[in-house]
Amino acid sequence: MGELEELCECSQSQISQFLKRMEYEDLVDKRRDGKYIFYRIKDERLFVLFETLSKIFSE
């Protein structure tokens, strides 16, 4: 199981779809290294959004 799968408690396919959508919306950059794809958030404000959502939904 990958790191994102563990953190999100989602399947690999759900995470893949989410990341593809984020790429489509120009929110992330990606780079391929062999069989791995690395994603990077383009706008640092998204970290604040994710932290806020995490706090709201983990209470």
Protein backbone atom coordinates (compact mmCIF):
# COMPACT_ATOMS: atom_id res chain seq x y z
CA MET A 1 0.00 0.00 0.00
CA GLY A 2 1.33 3.44 -0.91
CA GLU A 3 1.76 6.39 1.41
CA LEU A 4 -1.24 8.27 0.01
CA GLU A 5 -3.43 5.19 0.21
CA GLU A 6 -2.62 4.87 3.90
CA LEU A 7 -3.07 8.54 4.67
CA CYS A 8 -6.33 8.90 2.74
CA GLU A 9 -7.72 5.44 3.39
CA CYS A 10 -8.59 5.31 -0.32
CA SER A 11 -7.84 2.86 -3.08
CA GLN A 12 -5.02 3.45 -5.53
CA SER A 13 -7.54 4.00 -8.30
CA GLN A 14 -9.41 6.68 -6.32
CA ILE A 15 -6.17 8.51 -5.60
CA SER A 16 -5.12 8.22 -9.25
CA GLN A 17 -8.41 9.74 -10.41
CA PHE A 18 -8.09 12.55 -7.86
CA LEU A 19 -4.52 13.34 -8.94
CA LYS A 20 -5.49 13.32 -12.62
CA ARG A 21 -8.26 15.80 -11.84
CA MET A 22 -5.85 18.00 -9.90
CA GLU A 23 -3.47 17.91 -12.86
CA TYR A 24 -6.32 18.79 -15.23
CA GLU A 25 -7.20 21.78 -13.00
CA ASP A 26 -3.52 22.84 -13.08
CA LEU A 27 -3.11 22.40 -9.32
CA VAL A 28 -0.18 19.97 -9.46
CA ASP A 29 2.93 19.29 -11.50
CA LYS A 30 4.10 15.76 -12.13
CA ARG A 31 7.31 14.12 -13.15
CA ARG A 32 7.98 10.54 -14.04
CA ASP A 33 10.96 8.58 -12.75
CA GLY A 34 10.86 5.07 -14.14
CA LYS A 35 7.65 3.43 -13.03
CA TYR A 36 6.96 6.12 -10.43
CA ILE A 37 5.15 9.43 -10.85
CA PHE A 38 5.87 12.23 -8.41
CA TYR A 39 3.34 15.02 -7.89
CA ARG A 40 4.02 18.49 -6.52
CA ILE A 41 1.41 20.99 -5.45
CA LYS A 42 1.79 24.19 -7.47
CA ASP A 43 0.02 26.60 -5.12
CA GLU A 44 1.15 26.51 -1.50
CA ARG A 45 -2.28 27.82 -0.41
CA LEU A 46 -3.64 24.34 -1.10
CA PHE A 47 -1.75 23.09 1.95
CA VAL A 48 -3.81 25.45 4.10
CA LEU A 49 -6.99 24.21 2.46
CA PHE A 50 -6.05 20.56 3.01
CA GLU A 51 -5.09 21.18 6.63
CA THR A 52 -8.40 22.95 7.26
CA LEU A 53 -10.40 20.17 5.63
CA SER A 54 -8.48 17.59 7.63
CA LYS A 55 -9.31 19.38 10.88
CA ILE A 56 -12.97 19.67 9.97
CA PHE A 57 -13.42 16.04 8.95
CA SER A 58 -11.25 14.43 11.62
CA GLU A 59 -13.21 15.84 14.57
